[in-house]
PDB file of N, CA and C in Angstrom:
ATOM      1  N   GLY A   1     -31.608  14.533  -0.109  1.00  0.00           N
ATOM      2  CA  GLY A   1     -30.554  14.064  -0.485  1.00  0.00           C
ATOM      3  C   GLY A   1     -29.842  13.008  -0.049  1.00  0.00           C
ATOM      4  N   SER A   2     -28.974  13.298   1.106  1.00  0.00           N
ATOM      5  CA  SER A   2     -28.177  11.932   1.559  1.00  0.00           C
ATOM      6  C   SER A   2     -29.205  10.763   2.046  1.00  0.00           C
ATOM      7  N   SER A   3     -30.444  11.115   2.446  1.00  0.00           N
ATOM      8  CA  SER A   3     -31.275   9.959   3.092  1.00  0.00           C
ATOM      9  C   SER A   3     -31.741   9.101   1.923  1.00  0.00           C
ATOM     10  N   VAL A   4     -31.979   9.886   0.722  1.00  0.00           N
ATOM     11  CA  VAL A   4     -32.283   9.119  -0.540  1.00  0.00           C
ATOM     12  C   VAL A   4     -31.338   8.142  -0.988  1.00  0.00           C
ATOM     13  N   VAL A   5     -30.107   8.956  -1.073  1.00  0.00           N
ATOM     14  CA  VAL A   5     -28.965   7.877  -1.526  1.00  0.00           C
ATOM     15  C   VAL A   5     -28.870   6.868  -0.707  1.00  0.00           C
ATOM     16  N   LYS A   6     -28.849   6.851   0.744  1.00  0.00           N
ATOM     17  CA  LYS A   6     -28.602   5.885   1.774  1.00  0.00           C
ATOM     18  C   LYS A   6     -29.741   4.846   1.219  1.00  0.00           C
ATOM     19  N   ALA A   7     -31.048   5.233   1.126  1.00  0.00           N
ATOM     20  CA  ALA A   7     -32.074   4.304   0.723  1.00  0.00           C
ATOM     21  C   ALA A   7     -32.048   3.591  -0.496  1.00  0.00           C
ATOM     22  N   LEU A   8     -31.502   4.256  -1.342  1.00  0.00           N
ATOM     23  CA  LEU A   8     -31.292   3.539  -2.532  1.00  0.00           C
ATOM     24  C   LEU A   8     -29.994   2.630  -2.595  1.00  0.00           C
ATOM     25  N   LYS A   9     -29.063   3.009  -1.893  1.00  0.00           N
ATOM     26  CA  LYS A   9     -27.907   2.013  -1.764  1.00  0.00           C
ATOM     27  C   LYS A   9     -28.203   0.883  -1.016  1.00  0.00           C
ATOM     28  N   GLY A  10     -28.951   0.943   0.128  1.00  0.00           N
ATOM     29  CA  GLY A  10     -29.198  -0.093   1.045  1.00  0.00           C
ATOM     30  C   GLY A  10     -29.985  -1.226   0.495  1.00  0.00           C
ATOM     31  N   ARG A  11     -31.194  -0.604  -0.058  1.00  0.00           N
ATOM     32  CA  ARG A  11     -31.975  -1.428  -0.940  1.00  0.00           C
ATOM     33  C   ARG A  11     -31.373  -2.266  -1.993  1.00  0.00           C
ATOM     34  N   SER A  12     -30.434  -1.451  -2.830  1.00  0.00           N
ATOM     35  CA  SER A  12     -29.814  -2.377  -3.885  1.00  0.00           C
ATOM     36  C   SER A  12     -28.773  -3.362  -3.541  1.00  0.00           C
ATOM     37  N   ALA A  13     -27.975  -2.855  -2.337  1.00  0.00           N
ATOM     38  CA  ALA A  13     -27.121  -3.860  -1.946  1.00  0.00           C
ATOM     39  C   ALA A  13     -27.770  -5.186  -1.207  1.00  0.00           C
ATOM     40  N   PHE A  14     -28.776  -4.936  -0.648  1.00  0.00           N
ATOM     41  CA  PHE A  14     -29.729  -5.905   0.289  1.00  0.00           C
ATOM     42  C   PHE A  14     -30.118  -6.768  -1.091  1.00  0.00           C
ATOM     43  N   LEU A  15     -30.803  -6.459  -2.142  1.00  0.00           N
ATOM     44  CA  LEU A  15     -31.127  -7.248  -3.185  1.00  0.00           C
ATOM     45  C   LEU A  15     -29.936  -7.784  -4.070  1.00  0.00           C
ATOM     46  N   PHE A  16     -28.965  -7.135  -4.246  1.00  0.00           N
ATOM     47  CA  PHE A  16     -27.865  -7.813  -4.852  1.00  0.00           C
ATOM     48  C   PHE A  16     -27.425  -9.056  -4.078  1.00  0.00           C
ATOM     49  N   PHE A  17     -27.178  -8.852  -2.903  1.00  0.00           N
ATOM     50  CA  PHE A  17     -26.349 -10.055  -2.210  1.00  0.00           C
ATOM     51  C   PHE A  17     -27.556 -10.993  -1.749  1.00  0.00           C
ATOM     52  N   LYS A  18     -28.824 -10.670  -1.933  1.00  0.00           N
ATOM     53  CA  LYS A  18     -29.862 -11.713  -1.724  1.00  0.00           C
ATOM     54  C   LYS A  18     -29.971 -12.527  -2.869  1.00  0.00           C
ATOM     55  N   ASN A  19     -29.576 -12.058  -4.024  1.00  0.00           N
ATOM     56  CA  ASN A  19     -29.617 -12.740  -5.309  1.00  0.00           C
ATOM     57  C   ASN A  19     -28.271 -13.470  -5.793  1.00  0.00           C
ATOM     58  N   HIS A  20     -27.114 -12.640  -4.858  1.00  0.00           N
ATOM     59  CA  HIS A  20     -25.800 -13.465  -4.995  1.00  0.00           C
ATOM     60  C   HIS A  20     -25.217 -13.832  -3.983  1.00  0.00           C
ATOM     61  N   PRO A  21     -25.438 -14.461  -3.110  1.00  0.00           N
ATOM     62  CA  PRO A  21     -25.098 -14.585  -1.433  1.00  0.00           C
ATOM     63  C   PRO A  21     -23.583 -15.011  -1.608  1.00  0.00           C
ATOM     64  N   GLU A  22     -23.268 -15.887  -2.505  1.00  0.00           N
ATOM     65  CA  GLU A  22     -21.742 -16.290  -2.626  1.00  0.00           C
ATOM     66  C   GLU A  22     -20.765 -15.090  -2.701  1.00  0.00           C
ATOM     67  N   ILE A  23     -21.184 -14.040  -3.182  1.00  0.00           N
ATOM     68  CA  ILE A  23     -20.298 -12.936  -2.944  1.00  0.00           C
ATOM     69  C   ILE A  23     -20.113 -12.301  -1.678  1.00  0.00           C
ATOM     70  N   LYS A  24     -21.132 -11.939  -1.266  1.00  0.00           N
ATOM     71  CA  LYS A  24     -21.061 -11.665   0.217  1.00  0.00           C
ATOM     72  C   LYS A  24     -20.122 -12.760   1.385  1.00  0.00           C
ATOM     73  N   GLN A  25     -20.439 -14.083   0.780  1.00  0.00           N
ATOM     74  CA  GLN A  25     -19.775 -14.955   1.479  1.00  0.00           C
ATOM     75  C   GLN A  25     -18.292 -14.874   1.340  1.00  0.00           C
ATOM     76  N   ASN A  26     -17.782 -14.324   0.243  1.00  0.00           N
ATOM     77  CA  ASN A  26     -16.176 -14.150  -0.017  1.00  0.00           C
ATOM     78  C   ASN A  26     -15.862 -13.201   0.571  1.00  0.00           C
ATOM     79  N   LYS A  27     -16.396 -12.265   1.113  1.00  0.00           N
ATOM     80  CA  LYS A  27     -16.176 -11.293   2.281  1.00  0.00           C
ATOM     81  C   LYS A  27     -15.573 -10.309   0.987  1.00  0.00           C
ATOM     82  N   MET A  28     -15.781 -10.213  -0.155  1.00  0.00           N
ATOM     83  CA  MET A  28     -15.340  -9.201  -1.208  1.00  0.00           C
ATOM     84  C   MET A  28     -15.909  -7.807  -0.917  1.00  0.00           C
ATOM     85  N   TRP A  29     -15.266  -6.789  -0.641  1.00  0.00           N
ATOM     86  CA  TRP A  29     -15.428  -5.384  -0.443  1.00  0.00           C
ATOM     87  C   TRP A  29     -15.982  -5.289   0.901  1.00  0.00           C
ATOM     88  N   GLY A  30     -15.207  -6.464   1.386  1.00  0.00           N
ATOM     89  CA  GLY A  30     -15.388  -6.096   3.182  1.00  0.00           C
ATOM     90  C   GLY A  30     -16.910  -6.159   3.599  1.00  0.00           C
ATOM     91  N   GLY A  31     -17.503  -7.046   2.722  1.00  0.00           N
ATOM     92  CA  GLY A  31     -19.146  -7.462   2.956  1.00  0.00           C
ATOM     93  C   GLY A  31     -19.949  -6.123   2.422  1.00  0.00           C
ATOM     94  N   HIS A  32     -19.363  -5.284   1.802  1.00  0.00           N
ATOM     95  CA  HIS A  32     -20.274  -4.035   1.746  1.00  0.00           C
ATOM     96  C   HIS A  32     -20.096  -3.669   0.053  1.00  0.00           C
ATOM     97  N   LEU A  33     -21.289  -3.445  -0.684  1.00  0.00           N
ATOM     98  CA  LEU A  33     -21.161  -3.537  -2.028  1.00  0.00           C
ATOM     99  C   LEU A  33     -21.070  -1.854  -2.310  1.00  0.00           C
ATOM    100  N   TRP A  34     -21.552  -0.826  -1.539  1.00  0.00           N
ATOM    101  CA  TRP A  34     -21.242   0.340  -2.213  1.00  0.00           C
ATOM    102  C   TRP A  34     -20.227   1.128  -1.410  1.00  0.00           C
ATOM    103  N   SER A  35     -19.495   2.043  -1.758  1.00  0.00           N
ATOM    104  CA  SER A  35     -18.867   2.823  -1.108  1.00  0.00           C
ATOM    105  C   SER A  35     -19.592   3.945  -0.202  1.00  0.00           C
ATOM    106  N   PRO A  36     -19.111   4.149   0.948  1.00  0.00           N
ATOM    107  CA  PRO A  36     -19.919   5.371   1.575  1.00  0.00           C
ATOM    108  C   PRO A  36     -20.005   6.813   1.057  1.00  0.00           C
ATOM    109  N   SER A  37     -19.382   7.143  -0.055  1.00  0.00           N
ATOM    110  CA  SER A  37     -19.276   8.197  -0.424  1.00  0.00           C
ATOM    111  C   SER A  37     -20.269   8.365  -1.531  1.00  0.00           C
ATOM    112  N   TYR A  38     -20.636   9.535  -2.067  1.00  0.00           N
ATOM    113  CA  TYR A  38     -21.339   9.810  -3.247  1.00  0.00           C
ATOM    114  C   TYR A  38     -21.192  11.282  -3.970  1.00  0.00           C
ATOM    115  N   TYR A  39     -21.660  11.193  -4.982  1.00  0.00           N
ATOM    116  CA  TYR A  39     -21.455  12.638  -5.799  1.00  0.00           C
ATOM    117  C   TYR A  39     -22.851  13.167  -6.551  1.00  0.00           C
ATOM    118  N   PHE A  40     -23.118  14.127  -6.290  1.00  0.00           N
ATOM    119  CA  PHE A  40     -24.551  14.700  -7.223  1.00  0.00           C
ATOM    120  C   PHE A  40     -24.070  15.783  -8.283  1.00  0.00           C
ATOM    121  N   GLY A  41     -24.209  15.600  -9.385  1.00  0.00           N
ATOM    122  CA  GLY A  41     -24.233  16.433 -10.300  1.00  0.00           C
ATOM    123  C   GLY A  41     -25.109  16.105 -11.573  1.00  0.00           C
ATOM    124  N   THR A  42     -25.054  17.225 -12.296  1.00  0.00           N
ATOM    125  CA  THR A  42     -26.003  17.135 -13.557  1.00  0.00           C
ATOM    126  C   THR A  42     -24.992  16.883 -14.777  1.00  0.00           C
ATOM    127  N   VAL A  43     -25.237  16.084 -15.634  1.00  0.00           N
ATOM    128  CA  VAL A  43     -24.380  15.578 -16.721  1.00  0.00           C
ATOM    129  C   VAL A  43     -24.017  16.512 -17.688  1.00  0.00           C
ATOM    130  N   GLY A  44     -25.093  17.826 -17.721  1.00  0.00           N
ATOM    131  CA  GLY A  44     -24.762  18.721 -18.665  1.00  0.00           C
ATOM    132  C   GLY A  44     -23.478  19.870 -17.930  1.00  0.00           C
ATOM    133  N   ASN A  45     -23.348  19.838 -16.606  1.00  0.00           N
ATOM    134  CA  ASN A  45     -22.463  20.674 -16.142  1.00  0.00           C
ATOM    135  C   ASN A  45     -21.154  19.876 -15.752  1.00  0.00           C
ATOM    136  N   MET A  46     -21.004  18.637 -16.241  1.00  0.00           N
ATOM    137  CA  MET A  46     -19.872  17.758 -15.979  1.00  0.00           C
ATOM    138  C   MET A  46     -19.151  17.395 -17.193  1.00  0.00           C
ATOM    139  N   SER A  47     -17.707  17.708 -16.999  1.00  0.00           N
ATOM    140  CA  SER A  47     -16.839  17.268 -17.860  1.00  0.00           C
ATOM    141  C   SER A  47     -16.562  15.792 -18.020  1.00  0.00           C
ATOM    142  N   LYS A  48     -16.052  15.467 -18.902  1.00  0.00           N
ATOM    143  CA  LYS A  48     -15.734  13.846 -19.061  1.00  0.00           C
ATOM    144  C   LYS A  48     -14.455  13.554 -17.957  1.00  0.00           C
ATOM    145  N   GLU A  49     -13.631  14.660 -17.766  1.00  0.00           N
ATOM    146  CA  GLU A  49     -12.562  14.693 -16.896  1.00  0.00           C
ATOM    147  C   GLU A  49     -12.969  14.657 -15.604  1.00  0.00           C
ATOM    148  N   VAL A  50     -13.968  15.341 -15.000  1.00  0.00           N
ATOM    149  CA  VAL A  50     -14.699  15.215 -13.702  1.00  0.00           C
ATOM    150  C   VAL A  50     -15.102  14.082 -13.458  1.00  0.00           C
ATOM    151  N   VAL A  51     -15.852  13.441 -14.198  1.00  0.00           N
ATOM    152  CA  VAL A  51     -16.383  12.186 -14.010  1.00  0.00           C
ATOM    153  C   VAL A  51     -15.249  10.949 -13.961  1.00  0.00           C
ATOM    154  N   GLU A  52     -14.288  11.132 -15.017  1.00  0.00           N
ATOM    155  CA  GLU A  52     -13.096  10.405 -14.763  1.00  0.00           C
ATOM    156  C   GLU A  52     -12.318  10.351 -13.591  1.00  0.00           C
ATOM    157  N   LYS A  53     -12.048  11.542 -13.132  1.00  0.00           N
ATOM    158  CA  LYS A  53     -11.286  11.892 -11.880  1.00  0.00           C
ATOM    159  C   LYS A  53     -12.247  11.310 -10.799  1.00  0.00           C
ATOM    160  N   TYR A  54     -13.525  11.499 -10.713  1.00  0.00           N
ATOM    161  CA  TYR A  54     -13.991  10.724  -9.457  1.00  0.00           C
ATOM    162  C   TYR A  54     -14.138   9.295  -9.319  1.00  0.00           C
ATOM    163  N   ILE A  55     -14.184   8.675 -10.502  1.00  0.00           N
ATOM    164  CA  ILE A  55     -14.298   7.229 -10.582  1.00  0.00           C
ATOM    165  C   ILE A  55     -12.719   6.841 -10.407  1.00  0.00           C
ATOM    166  N   ASN A  56     -12.008   7.307 -10.662  1.00  0.00           N
ATOM    167  CA  ASN A  56     -10.452   7.102 -10.292  1.00  0.00           C
ATOM    168  C   ASN A  56      -9.926   7.162  -9.066  1.00  0.00           C
ATOM    169  N   ASP A  57     -10.358   8.349  -8.592  1.00  0.00           N
ATOM    170  CA  ASP A  57     -10.277   8.542  -6.796  1.00  0.00           C
ATOM    171  C   ASP A  57     -10.866   7.409  -6.121  1.00  0.00           C
ATOM    172  N   GLN A  58     -12.288   7.226  -6.591  1.00  0.00           N
ATOM    173  CA  GLN A  58     -12.978   5.759  -5.902  1.00  0.00           C
ATOM    174  C   GLN A  58     -12.259   4.647  -6.040  1.00  0.00           C
ATOM    175  N   ILE A  59     -11.386   4.265  -6.893  1.00  0.00           N
ATOM    176  CA  ILE A  59     -10.774   3.030  -7.326  1.00  0.00           C
ATOM    177  C   ILE A  59      -9.750   3.301  -6.456  1.00  0.00           C
ATOM    178  N   TYR A  60      -9.148   4.292  -6.463  1.00  0.00           N
ATOM    179  CA  TYR A  60      -7.634   4.373  -5.837  1.00  0.00           C
ATOM    180  C   TYR A  60      -7.895   4.211  -4.232  1.00  0.00           C
ATOM    181  N   ASN A  61      -9.199   4.887  -3.688  1.00  0.00           N
ATOM    182  CA  ASN A  61      -9.434   4.769  -2.340  1.00  0.00           C
ATOM    183  C   ASN A  61      -9.584   3.587  -1.844  1.00  0.00           C
ATOM    184  N   ALA A  62     -10.354   2.711  -2.720  1.00  0.00           N
ATOM    185  CA  ALA A  62     -10.532   1.284  -2.285  1.00  0.00           C
ATOM    186  C   ALA A  62      -9.556   0.539  -2.337  1.00  0.00           C
ATOM    187  N   VAL A  63      -8.610   0.835  -2.906  1.00  0.00           N
ATOM    188  CA  VAL A  63      -7.250   0.131  -3.141  1.00  0.00           C
ATOM    189  C   VAL A  63      -6.490   0.467  -1.816  1.00  0.00           C
ATOM    190  N   SER A  64      -6.373   1.636  -1.853  1.00  0.00           N
ATOM    191  CA  SER A  64      -5.610   2.069  -0.748  1.00  0.00           C
ATOM    192  C   SER A  64      -5.794   2.036   0.514  1.00  0.00           C
ATOM    193  N   GLY A  65      -7.112   1.912   0.766  1.00  0.00           N
ATOM    194  CA  GLY A  65      -7.721   1.920   2.265  1.00  0.00           C
ATOM    195  C   GLY A  65      -7.962   3.335   2.517  1.00  0.00           C
ATOM    196  N   GLY A  66      -8.296   3.975   1.563  1.00  0.00           N
ATOM    197  CA  GLY A  66      -8.925   5.485   1.892  1.00  0.00           C
ATOM    198  C   GLY A  66      -7.896   6.544   2.059  1.00  0.00           C
ATOM    199  N   LYS A  67      -6.370   6.155   1.920  1.00  0.00           N
ATOM    200  CA  LYS A  67      -5.470   6.970   2.430  1.00  0.00           C
ATOM    201  C   LYS A  67      -5.437   8.255   1.109  1.00  0.00           C
ATOM    202  N   PRO A  68      -5.222   9.364   1.631  1.00  0.00           N
ATOM    203  CA  PRO A  68      -5.185  10.525   0.536  1.00  0.00           C
ATOM    204  C   PRO A  68      -3.883  10.522  -0.048  1.00  0.00           C
ATOM    205  N   TYR A  69      -3.882  11.015  -1.443  1.00  0.00           N
ATOM    206  CA  TYR A  69      -3.001  11.298  -1.983  1.00  0.00           C
ATOM    207  C   TYR A  69      -2.930  12.455  -2.691  1.00  0.00           C
ATOM    208  N   PRO A  70      -1.826  12.929  -3.197  1.00  0.00           N
ATOM    209  CA  PRO A  70      -1.654  14.224  -3.851  1.00  0.00           C
ATOM    210  C   PRO A  70      -2.551  14.252  -5.188  1.00  0.00           C
ATOM    211  N   SER A  71      -3.300  15.456  -5.712  1.00  0.00           N
ATOM    212  CA  SER A  71      -3.950  15.354  -6.912  1.00  0.00           C
ATOM    213  C   SER A  71      -3.162  15.824  -7.907  1.00  0.00           C
ATOM    214  N   PRO A  72      -2.983  15.081  -9.169  1.00  0.00           N
ATOM    215  CA  PRO A  72      -2.334  15.563 -10.142  1.00  0.00           C
ATOM    216  C   PRO A  72      -2.507  16.885 -10.717  1.00  0.00           C
ATOM    217  N   HIS A  73      -3.564  17.391 -10.227  1.00  0.00           N
ATOM    218  CA  HIS A  73      -3.881  18.911 -10.829  1.00  0.00           C
ATOM    219  C   HIS A  73      -3.565  19.969 -10.313  1.00  0.00           C
TER     220      HIS A  73
END
């Protein structure tokens, strides 16, 4: 599980920054391409709302510096 995700994220970030060094030089995302979190689920068992909430939570955490906020649900 998590070791596979780390390997995929690490390799894809390495290749992305190798091909786009200007992005890492601008210190966007604090020099990181991926959030440290991840989510596993099958598409058949996931509603559109679950996916939207996960994406919105990731965006909010990136903007707020990871500070928790009350869920609207």
